[in-house]
Protein backbone atom coordinates (compact mmCIF):
# COMPACT_ATOMS: atom_id res chain seq x y z
CA UNK A 1 0.00 0.00 0.00
CA UNK A 2 1.16 3.51 -0.82
CA UNK A 3 -0.23 6.79 0.49
CA UNK A 4 -0.85 10.34 -0.70
CA UNK A 5 -2.58 13.44 0.56
CA UNK A 6 -5.84 14.34 -1.12
CA UNK A 7 -7.23 17.87 -1.64
CA UNK A 8 -8.01 18.55 2.04
CA UNK A 9 -4.86 16.96 3.46
CA UNK A 10 -6.43 13.60 4.36
CA UNK A 11 -3.96 10.76 3.85
CA UNK A 12 -5.41 8.06 1.61
CA UNK A 13 -4.02 4.59 0.86
CA UNK A 14 -3.91 2.99 -2.57
CA UNK A 15 -2.32 0.18 -4.56
CA UNK A 16 -0.86 0.65 -8.02
CA UNK A 17 0.25 -2.46 -9.91
CA UNK A 18 0.72 -3.70 -13.46
CA UNK A 19 1.06 -1.90 -16.76
CA UNK A 20 -1.29 -1.17 -19.61
CA UNK A 21 -4.81 0.26 -19.58
CA UNK A 22 -5.27 2.18 -16.30
CA UNK A 23 -8.24 0.74 -14.41
CA UNK A 24 -9.28 2.60 -11.28
CA UNK A 25 -10.98 0.11 -8.96
CA UNK A 26 -13.46 1.60 -6.49
CA UNK A 27 -14.78 -0.61 -3.70
CA UNK A 28 -18.03 -0.99 -1.82
CA UNK A 29 -19.36 1.30 0.92
CA UNK A 30 -17.55 -0.17 3.94
CA UNK A 31 -14.92 -2.10 2.03
CA UNK A 32 -11.43 -1.50 0.67
CA UNK A 33 -8.89 -2.36 -2.03
CA UNK A 34 -9.02 -6.06 -1.17
CA UNK A 35 -12.41 -6.19 -2.94
CA UNK A 36 -10.37 -6.70 -6.11
CA UNK A 37 -7.90 -9.34 -4.90
CA UNK A 38 -9.98 -12.14 -6.42
CA UNK A 39 -10.07 -10.44 -9.81
CA UNK A 40 -6.44 -9.33 -10.10
CA UNK A 41 -4.84 -12.69 -11.02
CA UNK A 42 -7.23 -13.12 -13.95
CA UNK A 43 -6.54 -9.86 -15.79
CA UNK A 44 -3.97 -9.33 -18.50
CA UNK A 45 -2.03 -6.20 -19.29
CA UNK A 46 -3.80 -3.59 -17.18
CA UNK A 47 -2.64 -1.12 -14.58
CA UNK A 48 -4.84 -1.73 -11.54
CA UNK A 49 -5.15 1.26 -9.24
CA UNK A 50 -7.20 0.48 -6.13
CA UNK A 51 -8.21 3.13 -3.59
CA UNK A 52 -9.15 2.92 0.08
CA UNK A 53 -11.75 5.65 0.59
CA UNK A 54 -11.28 8.10 3.45
CA UNK A 55 -12.19 6.40 6.70
CA UNK A 56 -11.80 2.91 5.27
CA UNK A 57 -9.05 0.31 5.27
CA UNK A 58 -5.57 1.82 5.53
CA UNK A 59 -6.72 5.38 4.81
CA UNK A 60 -6.98 8.00 7.54
CA UNK A 61 -10.28 8.73 9.21
CA UNK A 62 -11.67 12.16 8.41
CA UNK A 63 -14.55 14.47 9.25
CA UNK A 64 -17.60 12.20 8.88
CA UNK A 65 -19.32 14.99 6.96
CA UNK A 66 -16.89 14.24 4.13
CA UNK A 67 -17.93 10.57 3.86
CA UNK A 68 -20.02 11.34 0.79
CA UNK A 69 -20.04 10.23 -2.84
CA UNK A 70 -19.10 13.70 -4.21
CA UNK A 71 -16.11 13.97 -1.85
CA UNK A 72 -14.99 10.43 -2.61
CA UNK A 73 -15.29 11.18 -6.33
CA UNK A 74 -13.03 14.18 -5.84
CA UNK A 75 -10.56 11.97 -3.94
CA UNK A 76 -10.53 9.55 -6.88
CA UNK A 77 -9.58 12.34 -9.27
CA UNK A 78 -6.90 13.54 -6.85
CA UNK A 79 -5.42 10.03 -6.94
CA UNK A 80 -5.36 10.04 -10.74
CA UNK A 81 -3.68 13.45 -10.64
CA UNK A 82 -1.17 12.20 -8.08
CA UNK A 83 -0.24 9.30 -10.37
CA UNK A 84 -0.22 11.45 -13.51
CA UNK A 85 -3.04 9.44 -15.09
CA UNK A 86 -4.99 11.64 -17.48
CA UNK A 87 -7.79 9.16 -18.20
CA UNK A 88 -8.81 5.84 -16.61
CA UNK A 89 -11.41 3.13 -16.95
CA UNK A 90 -13.46 2.82 -13.76
CA UNK A 91 -14.49 -0.50 -12.23
CA UNK A 92 -16.97 0.39 -9.51
CA UNK A 93 -18.38 -2.07 -6.99
CA UNK A 94 -21.62 -0.87 -5.37
CA UNK A 95 -20.64 2.51 -3.81
CA UNK A 96 -17.79 2.63 -6.33
CA UNK A 97 -20.30 2.46 -9.16
CA UNK A 98 -22.17 5.47 -7.79
CA UNK A 99 -18.85 7.32 -7.68
CA UNK A 100 -18.14 6.27 -11.27
CA UNK A 101 -21.49 7.63 -12.44
CA UNK A 102 -20.81 10.87 -10.55
CA UNK A 103 -17.46 11.18 -12.31
CA UNK A 104 -19.15 10.63 -15.67
CA UNK A 105 -21.50 13.52 -14.89
CA UNK A 106 -18.76 15.88 -13.69
CA UNK A 107 -15.41 15.01 -15.30
CA UNK A 108 -16.32 12.72 -18.17
CA UNK A 109 -13.16 13.68 -20.04
CA UNK A 110 -11.15 11.79 -17.39
CA UNK A 111 -12.98 8.50 -18.06
CA UNK A 112 -12.27 5.82 -20.64
CA UNK A 113 -15.16 3.55 -19.68
CA UNK A 114 -17.20 2.26 -16.72
CA UNK A 115 -17.95 -1.22 -15.42
CA UNK A 116 -20.61 -1.40 -12.69
CA UNK A 117 -20.63 -4.25 -10.19
CA UNK A 118 -24.18 -4.82 -8.89
CA UNK A 119 -25.22 -1.19 -8.80
CA UNK A 120 -27.55 1.04 -10.80
CA UNK A 121 -29.60 4.23 -10.65
CA UNK A 122 -32.42 2.58 -8.69
CA UNK A 123 -31.82 0.59 -5.50
CA UNK A 124 -34.07 -1.81 -3.59
CA UNK A 125 -35.07 -0.09 -0.32
CA UNK A 126 -34.98 -3.36 1.60
CA UNK A 127 -31.35 -3.86 0.68
CA UNK A 128 -30.47 -0.41 1.98
CA UNK A 129 -32.33 -1.19 5.21
CA UNK A 130 -30.22 -4.31 5.68
CA UNK A 131 -27.04 -2.24 5.33
CA UNK A 132 -28.35 0.13 8.02
CA UNK A 133 -28.69 -2.83 10.38
CA UNK A 134 -24.95 -3.58 10.43
CA UNK A 135 -23.05 -0.47 9.32
CA UNK A 136 -20.79 0.97 12.02
CA UNK A 137 -21.23 -2.01 14.37
CA UNK A 138 -18.58 -4.52 15.41
CA UNK A 139 -19.56 -8.17 14.93
CA UNK A 140 -20.37 -10.28 17.97
CA UNK A 141 -18.09 -13.13 16.83
CA UNK A 142 -15.04 -13.66 19.05
CA UNK A 143 -12.73 -14.93 16.30
CA UNK A 144 -12.18 -14.50 12.58
CA UNK A 145 -13.05 -18.17 12.07
CA UNK A 146 -16.35 -17.80 13.93
CA UNK A 147 -17.13 -14.66 11.93
CA UNK A 148 -16.47 -16.51 8.66
CA UNK A 149 -18.90 -19.26 9.67
CA UNK A 150 -21.51 -16.68 10.63
CA UNK A 151 -21.16 -14.87 7.31
CA UNK A 152 -21.58 -18.14 5.43
CA UNK A 153 -24.94 -18.56 7.17
CA UNK A 154 -26.19 -14.97 6.96
CA UNK A 155 -25.19 -13.88 3.45
CA UNK A 156 -28.39 -14.23 1.47
CA UNK A 157 -28.29 -15.31 -2.16
CA UNK A 158 -24.80 -16.82 -2.06
CA UNK A 159 -24.73 -20.49 -2.93
CA UNK A 160 -21.85 -22.83 -3.70
CA UNK A 161 -19.30 -20.58 -2.00
CA UNK A 162 -16.50 -22.55 -0.29
CA UNK A 163 -15.80 -21.93 3.40
CA UNK A 164 -12.30 -20.77 2.45
CA UNK A 165 -13.79 -17.79 0.60
CA UNK A 166 -15.79 -16.68 3.63
CA UNK A 167 -12.63 -16.96 5.73
CA UNK A 168 -10.81 -14.75 3.22
CA UNK A 169 -13.65 -12.22 3.35
CA UNK A 170 -13.51 -12.09 7.14
CA UNK A 171 -9.74 -11.64 7.11
CA UNK A 172 -9.89 -8.86 4.50
CA UNK A 173 -12.67 -6.76 6.01
CA UNK A 174 -12.33 -7.16 9.77
CA UNK A 175 -9.57 -6.78 12.35
CA UNK A 176 -8.72 -9.26 15.09
CA UNK A 177 -7.54 -7.07 17.96
CA UNK A 178 -6.80 -10.01 20.23
CA UNK A 179 -9.68 -9.02 22.47
CA UNK A 180 -12.38 -9.00 19.84
CA UNK A 181 -13.24 -8.47 16.17
CA UNK A 182 -13.70 -4.93 14.89
CA UNK A 183 -14.76 -3.36 11.61
CA UNK A 184 -12.03 -2.03 9.32
CA UNK A 185 -13.51 1.44 8.84
CA UNK A 186 -14.60 4.51 10.78
CA UNK A 187 -17.86 3.61 12.60
CA UNK A 188 -19.02 7.21 12.13
CA UNK A 189 -19.65 6.34 8.48
CA UNK A 190 -23.00 5.06 9.78
CA UNK A 191 -24.04 8.58 10.87
CA UNK A 192 -23.92 9.85 7.30
CA UNK A 193 -25.36 6.74 5.66
CA UNK A 194 -28.30 6.56 8.05
CA UNK A 195 -29.40 10.14 7.55
CA UNK A 196 -32.63 10.62 5.60
CA UNK A 197 -31.62 11.58 2.07
CA UNK A 198 -33.57 13.38 -0.63
CA UNK A 199 -35.14 11.15 -3.24
CA UNK A 200 -32.68 11.97 -6.01
CA UNK A 201 -33.24 10.76 -9.56
CA UNK A 202 -29.98 9.00 -10.45
CA UNK A 203 -30.92 8.20 -14.04
CA UNK A 204 -29.25 11.41 -15.31
CA UNK A 205 -25.99 10.09 -13.80
CA UNK A 206 -26.48 6.82 -15.65
CA UNK A 207 -27.20 8.71 -18.87
CA UNK A 208 -24.02 10.74 -18.34
CA UNK A 209 -22.04 7.61 -19.29
CA UNK A 210 -23.36 7.80 -22.86
CA UNK A 211 -20.58 7.21 -25.36
CA UNK A 212 -18.35 5.41 -22.83
CA UNK A 213 -17.79 1.64 -23.01
CA UNK A 214 -20.14 0.38 -20.32
CA UNK A 215 -20.71 -2.97 -18.67
CA UNK A 216 -22.90 -4.25 -15.84
CA UNK A 217 -22.26 -7.26 -13.63
CA UNK A 218 -25.36 -8.32 -11.73
CA UNK A 219 -25.69 -10.82 -8.92
CA UNK A 220 -28.79 -12.82 -9.86
CA UNK A 221 -29.86 -12.93 -6.19
CA UNK A 222 -28.98 -9.31 -5.41
CA UNK A 223 -30.97 -7.61 -2.67
CA UNK A 224 -29.88 -4.15 -3.86
CA UNK A 225 -30.24 -4.18 -7.66
CA UNK A 226 -33.47 -5.60 -9.05
CA UNK A 227 -33.94 -7.46 -12.31
CA UNK A 228 -36.42 -4.76 -13.36
CA UNK A 229 -33.76 -2.07 -12.98
CA UNK A 230 -31.18 -4.10 -14.90
CA UNK A 231 -33.69 -4.43 -17.73
CA UNK A 232 -34.27 -0.67 -17.73
CA UNK A 233 -30.52 -0.09 -17.85
CA UNK A 234 -30.09 -2.47 -20.77
CA UNK A 235 -32.98 -0.88 -22.66
CA UNK A 236 -31.44 2.54 -22.12
CA UNK A 237 -27.99 1.34 -23.17
CA UNK A 238 -28.39 -1.55 -25.65
CA UNK A 239 -24.63 -1.52 -26.20
CA UNK A 240 -23.92 -2.15 -22.51
CA UNK A 241 -22.08 -5.37 -21.73
CA UNK A 242 -23.96 -7.52 -19.25
CA UNK A 243 -23.29 -10.52 -17.04
CA UNK A 244 -25.82 -12.27 -14.83
CA UNK A 245 -23.87 -14.09 -12.15
CA UNK A 246 -25.78 -17.07 -10.69
CA UNK A 247 -25.59 -18.02 -7.02
CA UNK A 248 -24.51 -14.52 -6.05
CA UNK A 249 -26.22 -11.75 -4.14
CA UNK A 250 -24.77 -8.32 -3.42
CA UNK A 251 -21.93 -8.34 -4.44
CA UNK A 252 -20.33 -10.80 -6.86
CA UNK A 253 -16.67 -11.49 -6.06
CA UNK A 254 -15.66 -10.74 -9.70
CA UNK A 255 -13.76 -13.99 -10.23
CA UNK A 256 -16.87 -15.88 -11.34
CA UNK A 257 -16.64 -17.01 -15.00
CA UNK A 258 -19.55 -14.78 -16.05
CA UNK A 259 -18.03 -11.72 -14.38
CA UNK A 260 -14.57 -12.38 -15.80
CA UNK A 261 -15.95 -12.73 -19.32
CA UNK A 262 -17.79 -9.41 -19.06
CA UNK A 263 -14.80 -7.60 -17.56
CA UNK A 264 -12.40 -8.90 -20.21
CA UNK A 265 -14.77 -7.83 -22.97
CA UNK A 266 -15.15 -4.41 -21.36
CA UNK A 267 -11.38 -3.98 -21.06
CA UNK A 268 -10.99 -4.90 -24.73
CA UNK A 269 -13.55 -2.23 -25.68
CA UNK A 270 -11.84 0.33 -23.46
CA UNK A 271 -8.48 -0.48 -25.01
């Protein structure tokens, strides 16, 4: 992990590896660069740049008021500037996809293309409610192994996932302090996420990606992105690459065959 200071002085962590097409990988809401560890071994000549958002992973905690999509989008551009990358393809998982759409609406000239992982301009309210139930809270499990077993039982829509993958997930996204298991992000993120938010129409952000190579990876059992919304997205962008990943909820791991095929095709179009 390397670090840099973003526009307001907050120190953010990132990984920069490989050569070729620059692909900026943006993780989920409470997650970090390790979201893309499963994908990395399967890609060819690309430059993977993965960012830990402020308050997550190895990045510094900041004023919770800055834990917003617009601020995180600005941080992403600051990272590209720091690395001297004029334009990048964006692979956005969940929250990262919302940031990608925001970038398309504000600094489209910096984007080569966008690949969305289980996210769209309309979200299932029930899925958001489930996030509110756990965000900012430490798990009750007393070991990483116990947490992995609990996640295997509680993660809805995930079938045929080996126990070893759930153990990896627990190790990547939680910290064993020796006296308990803690989340790997600022718990005050929950304050911002749980606030009532205006009912924004996000379709203009989706439409802002017009002309960019676009792909969507959808977990067939997702509790956040409905099949109806995916159909609307495909109707609006008939040229959009699409992968339906069976036995996956929110979010696919990105090393499933269907996801890999879509990502490789998207990278080829971006190149």
